[in-house]
Protein backbone atom coordinates (compact mmCIF):
# COMPACT_ATOMS: atom_id res chain seq x y z
CA MET A 1 334.82 161.72 -8.39
CA LYS A 2 332.24 162.46 -5.71
CA LYS A 3 333.74 163.36 -2.23
CA THR A 4 331.93 162.67 1.17
CA LEU A 5 332.21 165.51 3.70
CA ARG A 6 331.19 164.78 7.39
CA ILE A 7 330.38 167.40 9.69
CA PHE A 8 330.45 166.52 13.35
CA SER A 9 328.41 169.04 15.45
CA PHE A 10 329.81 168.50 19.28
CA GLY A 11 327.96 169.96 22.16
CA GLY A 12 329.81 172.26 24.57
CA ASN A 13 329.20 169.18 26.92
CA GLU A 14 331.39 166.98 24.86
CA MET A 15 334.25 169.31 26.20
CA SER A 16 332.77 170.30 29.62
CA PRO A 17 329.92 168.04 30.97
CA THR A 18 327.11 169.61 32.72
CA GLY A 19 325.24 168.17 35.49
CA GLN A 20 327.76 166.45 37.51
CA VAL A 21 327.26 166.55 41.25
CA ASP A 22 329.94 166.40 44.17
CA ARG A 23 328.93 163.27 46.08
CA ARG A 24 330.38 164.74 49.28
CA THR A 25 328.56 168.19 49.09
CA GLY A 26 325.68 167.39 46.77
CA LYS A 27 326.57 170.71 44.84
CA PRO A 28 326.89 171.02 41.12
CA ILE A 29 330.65 170.58 39.77
CA VAL A 30 331.81 173.28 37.44
CA PRO A 31 334.45 171.48 35.29
CA ASP A 32 337.86 173.08 35.52
CA ILE A 33 340.57 173.13 32.47
CA ALA A 34 341.85 169.82 33.33
CA LEU A 35 338.44 167.95 33.25
CA GLN A 36 337.78 169.75 29.98
CA TRP A 37 341.03 168.77 28.64
CA VAL A 38 340.69 165.16 29.53
CA LYS A 39 336.90 165.03 28.17
CA THR A 40 337.83 166.67 25.03
CA ALA A 41 340.78 164.06 24.62
CA GLU A 42 338.20 161.47 24.87
CA THR A 43 336.20 163.06 22.13
CA CYS A 44 339.14 163.46 19.90
CA ARG A 45 339.85 159.81 20.36
CA PHE A 46 336.57 158.91 19.16
CA VAL A 47 336.93 161.13 16.01
CA ALA A 48 340.20 159.64 15.02
CA GLY A 49 338.70 156.48 14.98
CA ILE A 50 336.21 157.45 12.40
CA ILE A 51 338.89 159.28 10.40
CA GLU A 52 340.96 155.97 10.60
CA ALA A 53 338.21 153.84 9.32
CA HIS A 54 337.21 156.42 6.50
CA PRO A 55 340.53 158.15 5.55
CA GLU A 56 339.33 159.24 2.05
CA ASP A 57 336.53 161.49 3.42
CA LEU A 58 336.64 165.09 4.26
CA TYR A 59 335.85 166.35 8.03
CA VAL A 60 334.86 169.48 9.63
CA ILE A 61 334.40 169.73 13.34
CA THR A 62 331.88 172.29 14.81
CA HIS A 63 331.29 172.53 18.56
CA GLY A 64 328.88 174.45 20.96
CA ASN A 65 330.18 176.63 23.90
CA GLY A 66 327.21 176.77 26.35
CA PRO A 67 329.18 175.73 29.50
CA GLN A 68 332.23 177.54 28.43
CA VAL A 69 330.75 180.71 27.18
CA GLY A 70 328.85 180.92 30.41
CA ASN A 71 332.07 180.53 32.47
CA VAL A 72 333.98 183.22 30.58
CA PHE A 73 330.84 185.48 31.20
CA LEU A 74 330.70 184.57 34.74
CA ARG A 75 334.52 185.46 35.41
CA SER A 76 333.67 188.88 33.63
CA GLU A 77 330.76 189.41 36.01
CA TYR A 78 332.88 188.44 39.18
CA SER A 79 335.61 190.78 38.21
CA ARG A 80 333.62 193.66 37.51
CA PRO A 81 335.27 195.55 40.39
CA ILE A 82 338.75 195.64 38.92
CA LEU A 83 338.05 194.98 35.17
CA PRO A 84 335.88 195.97 32.41
CA PRO A 85 333.02 193.75 31.61
CA ILE A 86 333.41 191.54 28.44
CA PRO A 87 330.52 191.63 26.04
CA LEU A 88 328.79 188.23 25.20
CA ASP A 89 329.96 188.33 21.43
CA VAL A 90 333.57 188.82 22.55
CA CYS A 91 332.89 185.83 25.17
CA GLY A 92 332.06 183.79 22.25
CA ALA A 93 335.21 184.76 20.18
CA ASP A 94 337.30 183.82 23.27
CA THR A 95 335.94 180.45 23.51
CA GLN A 96 336.41 179.66 19.68
CA GLY A 97 340.15 180.08 19.95
CA ALA A 98 340.25 178.18 23.26
CA MET A 99 338.23 175.29 22.17
CA ALA A 100 340.04 174.95 18.78
CA TYR A 101 343.16 174.47 20.88
CA MET A 102 341.57 172.00 22.97
CA ILE A 103 340.25 170.09 19.89
CA ALA A 104 343.73 170.27 18.37
CA GLN A 105 344.43 167.40 20.58
CA LEU A 106 343.07 165.51 17.55
CA ASN A 107 346.29 165.91 15.97
CA ASN A 108 348.08 164.02 18.61
CA GLU A 109 345.64 161.13 18.39
CA LEU A 110 345.93 160.97 14.67
CA GLN A 111 349.81 161.08 14.80
CA MET A 112 349.57 157.80 17.16
CA ARG A 113 347.78 156.15 14.50
CA GLY A 114 350.08 157.06 11.62
CA ILE A 115 347.73 159.76 10.07
CA THR A 116 349.24 163.14 9.28
CA LYS A 117 346.10 165.36 8.95
CA LYS A 118 345.94 168.35 11.27
CA THR A 119 343.09 170.59 12.61
CA CYS A 120 342.92 174.25 11.96
CA GLY A 121 340.77 176.68 13.98
CA VAL A 122 338.78 179.02 11.74
CA VAL A 123 337.09 181.80 13.78
CA THR A 124 333.95 182.56 12.17
CA GLN A 125 331.42 185.46 12.24
CA ILE A 126 327.78 184.70 11.68
CA VAL A 127 325.35 187.24 10.44
CA VAL A 128 322.01 187.34 12.31
CA ASP A 129 318.80 189.42 11.93
CA GLU A 130 318.81 192.21 14.72
CA HIS A 131 315.10 191.82 14.75
CA ASP A 132 315.20 188.18 15.45
CA PRO A 133 312.26 187.37 17.92
CA ASP A 134 314.64 185.58 20.34
CA PHE A 135 316.26 188.71 21.33
CA GLN A 136 312.80 189.38 23.00
CA THR A 137 312.43 185.87 24.24
CA PRO A 138 315.91 184.08 24.96
CA SER A 139 316.06 180.55 24.64
CA LYS A 140 319.76 179.55 24.69
CA TYR A 141 321.27 177.98 27.78
CA ILE A 142 324.81 178.86 28.79
CA GLY A 143 327.19 178.35 31.69
CA PRO A 144 327.09 175.85 34.51
CA ALA A 145 324.21 173.91 36.03
CA TYR A 146 322.42 175.26 39.19
CA THR A 147 319.68 174.11 41.65
CA LYS A 148 316.47 175.88 41.16
CA GLU A 149 317.19 177.87 44.28
CA LYS A 150 320.57 178.97 43.30
CA ALA A 151 319.23 179.88 39.76
CA LEU A 152 316.49 182.03 41.24
CA GLU A 153 319.06 183.81 43.55
CA PHE A 154 320.96 184.80 40.48
CA ARG A 155 317.87 185.99 38.79
CA GLU A 156 317.03 188.15 41.95
CA LYS A 157 320.46 189.63 42.63
CA GLU A 158 322.01 189.70 39.02
CA GLY A 159 318.95 190.15 36.90
CA TRP A 160 319.74 186.88 34.87
CA LEU A 161 317.17 185.02 32.96
CA VAL A 162 317.09 181.47 34.09
CA LYS A 163 315.13 178.47 32.87
CA LEU A 164 314.73 174.68 33.68
CA TYR A 165 317.15 172.81 31.63
CA LYS A 166 316.25 169.34 32.35
CA LYS A 167 315.95 166.66 35.23
CA ASP A 168 318.88 164.51 36.24
CA GLU A 169 318.61 160.75 36.45
CA LYS A 170 317.20 161.04 39.93
CA GLY A 171 314.52 163.53 38.83
CA ALA A 172 316.18 166.61 40.26
CA GLU A 173 315.66 169.91 38.56
CA ILE A 174 318.82 171.27 36.55
CA TRP A 175 318.62 175.01 35.85
CA ARG A 176 320.82 177.30 33.75
CA LYS A 177 320.98 181.02 32.62
CA VAL A 178 319.55 181.66 29.14
CA VAL A 179 320.46 184.40 26.56
CA PRO A 180 319.32 185.33 23.12
CA SER A 181 319.93 182.79 20.19
CA PRO A 182 319.09 184.44 16.88
CA VAL A 183 318.92 182.16 13.64
CA PRO A 184 322.24 182.26 11.70
CA ARG A 185 321.88 183.55 8.18
CA GLN A 186 325.44 183.73 6.67
CA ILE A 187 329.14 182.66 7.48
CA ILE A 188 331.26 185.42 6.68
CA GLU A 189 334.45 183.33 6.84
CA LEU A 190 333.10 180.76 4.49
CA ASP A 191 336.00 180.92 2.13
CA GLY A 192 338.47 180.37 4.84
CA VAL A 193 336.70 177.15 5.80
CA GLN A 194 336.91 176.18 2.20
CA ALA A 195 340.59 176.99 1.81
CA VAL A 196 341.24 174.82 4.93
CA LEU A 197 339.44 172.04 3.50
CA ALA A 198 341.35 172.43 0.08
CA ALA A 199 344.62 172.32 1.95
CA GLY A 200 343.71 168.71 3.38
CA MET A 201 343.26 169.96 6.96
CA ILE A 202 340.38 169.65 9.31
CA PRO A 203 338.62 173.03 9.91
CA VAL A 204 337.27 173.53 13.49
CA THR A 205 334.89 176.17 12.96
CA VAL A 206 331.44 178.01 13.57
CA GLY A 207 332.66 177.38 17.24
CA GLY A 208 329.75 178.06 19.84
CA GLY A 209 327.62 178.82 16.71
CA GLY A 210 329.87 181.56 15.58
CA ILE A 211 330.26 185.15 16.77
CA PRO A 212 326.77 186.87 16.09
CA VAL A 213 327.06 189.91 13.94
CA VAL A 214 324.58 192.36 12.34
CA GLU A 215 325.04 194.23 9.14
CA VAL A 216 325.03 197.90 9.56
CA GLN A 217 322.99 200.03 7.34
CA PRO A 218 324.92 203.35 6.33
CA GLU A 219 323.72 206.91 6.91
CA VAL A 220 324.15 209.13 3.94
CA LYS A 221 325.39 212.46 4.59
CA ASP A 222 327.31 215.20 2.42
CA ALA A 223 327.99 212.51 -0.27
CA GLU A 224 329.46 210.11 2.32
CA GLU A 225 328.35 206.72 3.41
CA ILE A 226 328.61 206.63 7.31
CA TYR A 227 328.76 203.09 8.97
CA ARG A 228 328.47 203.05 12.85
CA ALA A 229 329.82 200.10 14.39
CA ASN A 230 330.34 199.18 18.12
CA TYR A 231 331.99 201.51 20.58
CA GLY A 232 332.01 204.65 18.48
CA VAL A 233 334.11 203.25 15.48
CA VAL A 234 332.85 204.75 12.39
CA PHE A 235 333.72 203.61 8.72
CA ARG A 236 333.31 206.08 5.85
CA ARG A 237 333.47 206.10 2.09
CA LYS A 238 332.33 208.27 -0.71
CA GLN A 239 328.87 207.78 -1.95
CA VAL A 240 328.43 206.44 -5.44
CA PRO A 241 324.97 206.48 -6.91
CA GLY A 242 323.50 202.98 -7.53
CA ARG A 243 326.26 201.37 -5.51
CA LYS A 244 325.20 198.71 -2.92
CA PRO A 245 326.01 199.32 0.71
CA ALA A 246 329.29 197.93 1.95
CA PRO A 247 329.28 194.56 3.94
CA VAL A 248 330.12 196.06 7.23
CA TYR A 249 329.18 194.33 10.46
CA ARG A 250 329.00 194.89 14.21
CA GLY A 251 328.70 192.28 17.12
CA VAL A 252 325.67 191.62 19.18
CA GLU A 253 325.06 190.33 22.54
CA ALA A 254 323.87 186.64 21.85
CA VAL A 255 324.75 183.03 21.42
CA VAL A 256 324.12 181.33 17.98
CA ASP A 257 322.79 177.77 18.13
CA LYS A 258 325.66 175.75 16.94
CA ASP A 259 323.54 173.00 15.35
CA LEU A 260 321.74 175.64 13.37
CA ALA A 261 325.11 177.09 12.35
CA SER A 262 326.57 173.73 11.47
CA SER A 263 323.48 172.95 9.18
CA LEU A 264 323.94 176.32 7.64
CA LEU A 265 327.82 175.57 7.00
CA GLY A 266 326.77 172.25 5.25
CA ARG A 267 324.29 173.77 2.95
CA SER A 268 326.64 176.56 2.16
CA LEU A 269 329.45 174.22 1.34
CA LEU A 270 327.08 171.99 -0.68
CA GLU A 271 325.82 175.44 -2.68
CA SER A 272 329.51 176.36 -3.26
CA ALA A 273 330.40 172.89 -4.49
CA GLY A 274 327.48 173.01 -6.91
CA LYS A 275 328.58 176.25 -8.47
CA SER A 276 332.02 174.85 -8.94
CA GLY A 277 330.98 171.71 -10.45
CA VAL A 278 332.30 169.67 -7.77
CA GLU A 279 330.47 166.52 -6.76
CA LEU A 280 329.99 166.66 -3.06
CA GLU A 281 327.74 164.67 -0.49
CA VAL A 282 327.64 165.98 3.01
CA ILE A 283 326.64 164.06 6.13
CA LEU A 284 325.57 166.14 9.39
CA THR A 285 326.00 164.30 12.78
CA ILE A 286 324.70 166.08 15.79
CA PHE A 287 326.19 164.79 18.92
CA THR A 288 324.30 165.40 22.20
CA GLY A 289 323.66 164.09 25.66
CA GLU A 290 320.46 162.11 24.68
CA ASP A 291 320.02 158.99 22.52
CA GLY A 292 318.38 160.93 19.90
CA ALA A 293 314.95 162.76 19.83
CA LYS A 294 311.98 161.75 21.66
CA LEU A 295 308.55 162.04 21.88
CA ASN A 296 306.94 163.05 25.32
CA TYR A 297 310.50 163.36 26.74
CA GLN A 298 310.91 162.47 30.18
CA GLN A 299 307.24 161.47 30.66
CA PRO A 300 305.86 157.83 31.32
CA ASP A 301 305.00 157.47 27.58
CA GLN A 302 308.36 158.69 26.33
CA ARG A 303 309.01 157.26 22.84
CA ASP A 304 312.34 156.89 20.89
CA LEU A 305 312.32 158.34 17.25
CA ARG A 306 314.91 156.30 15.47
CA ARG A 307 314.30 157.09 11.80
CA LEU A 308 312.31 159.99 10.40
CA THR A 309 311.74 161.33 6.72
CA LEU A 310 312.01 164.97 6.15
CA SER A 311 308.12 165.19 5.98
CA GLU A 312 307.60 163.13 9.03
CA ALA A 313 310.01 165.42 10.98
CA ARG A 314 308.39 168.54 9.66
CA ALA A 315 304.84 167.06 10.69
CA LEU A 316 306.09 166.46 14.28
CA TYR A 317 307.85 169.92 14.45
CA ASP A 318 304.86 171.77 13.38
CA ARG A 319 302.63 170.32 16.15
CA THR A 320 301.21 172.70 18.60
CA PRO A 321 302.72 172.52 21.22
CA CYS A 322 305.99 171.58 19.64
CA PRO A 323 307.16 168.41 21.11
CA PHE A 324 310.80 169.34 20.94
CA PRO A 325 311.80 172.00 23.41
CA PRO A 326 313.56 175.46 22.42
CA GLY A 327 317.16 175.68 23.48
CA SER A 328 317.58 171.90 23.49
CA MET A 329 316.16 169.28 20.97
CA GLY A 330 314.15 171.83 18.96
CA PRO A 331 317.06 173.54 17.27
CA LYS A 332 318.65 170.15 16.53
CA ILE A 333 315.42 168.99 14.79
CA LYS A 334 315.34 172.22 13.00
CA ALA A 335 318.94 172.12 11.96
CA ALA A 336 318.62 168.51 10.46
CA MET A 337 315.31 169.47 8.65
CA ASP A 338 317.02 172.46 7.15
CA PHE A 339 320.20 170.57 6.27
CA ILE A 340 318.42 167.64 4.33
CA GLY A 341 316.05 170.22 2.91
CA GLY A 342 319.05 171.88 1.50
CA GLY A 343 320.56 168.87 -0.06
CA GLY A 344 322.04 167.09 2.76
CA LEU A 345 322.51 163.26 2.33
CA VAL A 346 321.54 162.33 6.00
CA ALA A 347 321.45 163.80 9.43
CA TYR A 348 321.96 161.86 12.68
CA ILE A 349 321.32 163.08 16.19
CA THR A 350 322.96 160.67 18.85
CA LYS A 351 325.51 160.17 21.62
CA THR A 352 329.15 159.85 20.83
CA GLU A 353 329.25 156.43 22.35
CA LEU A 354 326.13 155.26 20.34
CA PHE A 355 327.57 156.43 17.03
CA GLU A 356 328.05 153.07 15.40
CA SER A 357 324.68 151.84 16.71
CA THR A 358 323.01 154.90 15.05
CA LEU A 359 324.58 154.26 11.73
CA GLN A 360 322.85 150.65 12.18
CA GLY A 361 319.40 152.12 13.01
CA LYS A 362 319.72 150.83 16.47
CA ALA A 363 320.16 154.00 18.26
CA GLY A 364 319.94 157.78 18.01
CA THR A 365 317.67 159.41 15.37
CA THR A 366 318.30 159.28 11.66
CA ILE A 367 316.66 161.93 9.24
CA VAL A 368 316.57 161.20 5.51
CA PRO A 369 315.07 162.93 2.61
């Protein structure tokens, strides 16, 4: 019997909203744990309603970590006088565990509805290409929102790369720190995600896009393969002629886009199901702070894109310049296209509160084969 798997890809803003301003001071608000906890509970309540309506389906929750990984990194920077700095890949690993814990509030909400399903956080490593061009031209926004003046101050004093994120409802500019965001190529712990699904649980995985790692190529010396990982750690084994190198990895300083990683996850699960003879259809929903994709975003002639075929989406994406900015809507459209091209049933880009309207074609963006 064919099974339906729904992948819900939540932005880090679904747990930690950015762009909020203190009415008294006019300064941006950095959400504390309490605010993140309450916001995550709202998101979990929304997911529980969908699970209650479709109890026979399988579910996977993925999430971004832009605000959270930026905060962890910022704490590390401020504590430099007394503690060693935390590299960005380890910051990402930290957020995977913490955010999976926050999302586990879904268990409580499901219990209130008489549903015994539980979540299970799966910390995942994502293989990337160490020569990915984004290492030279970073595009991923992380951390809290700043005014232009404050962002440029961080650039001057701390050497940060900063870019305009978007404008708020009043037209004021919101700036954020940017870091490399290489394309995800492989999910190392895919078997673990499948095992959690097979156990009837809901994996919370590829958090923040996963921990970016690159494959280590061995040196061969004195009939030994030598694999040099981070911080001077070395792995050795006897060389056997004709044998493939061992899959050894080391972390890199970057943040993988969670939508591209979620798309990769969906395609990987479809491929694995096909090899096993399992009938599976997968639906990807990308939740964001906008009512779907738009042409001429924040311009007087802005236009909603409600429904696109794969070929229509590609034609728009391939325009010069691309109408979908990198680091924001660009990766979402690319993720949806890759997902549909890899056998996905349908991809949605929408806001959580507009989910049902999106299914009806009245909101968000729907991309189909």
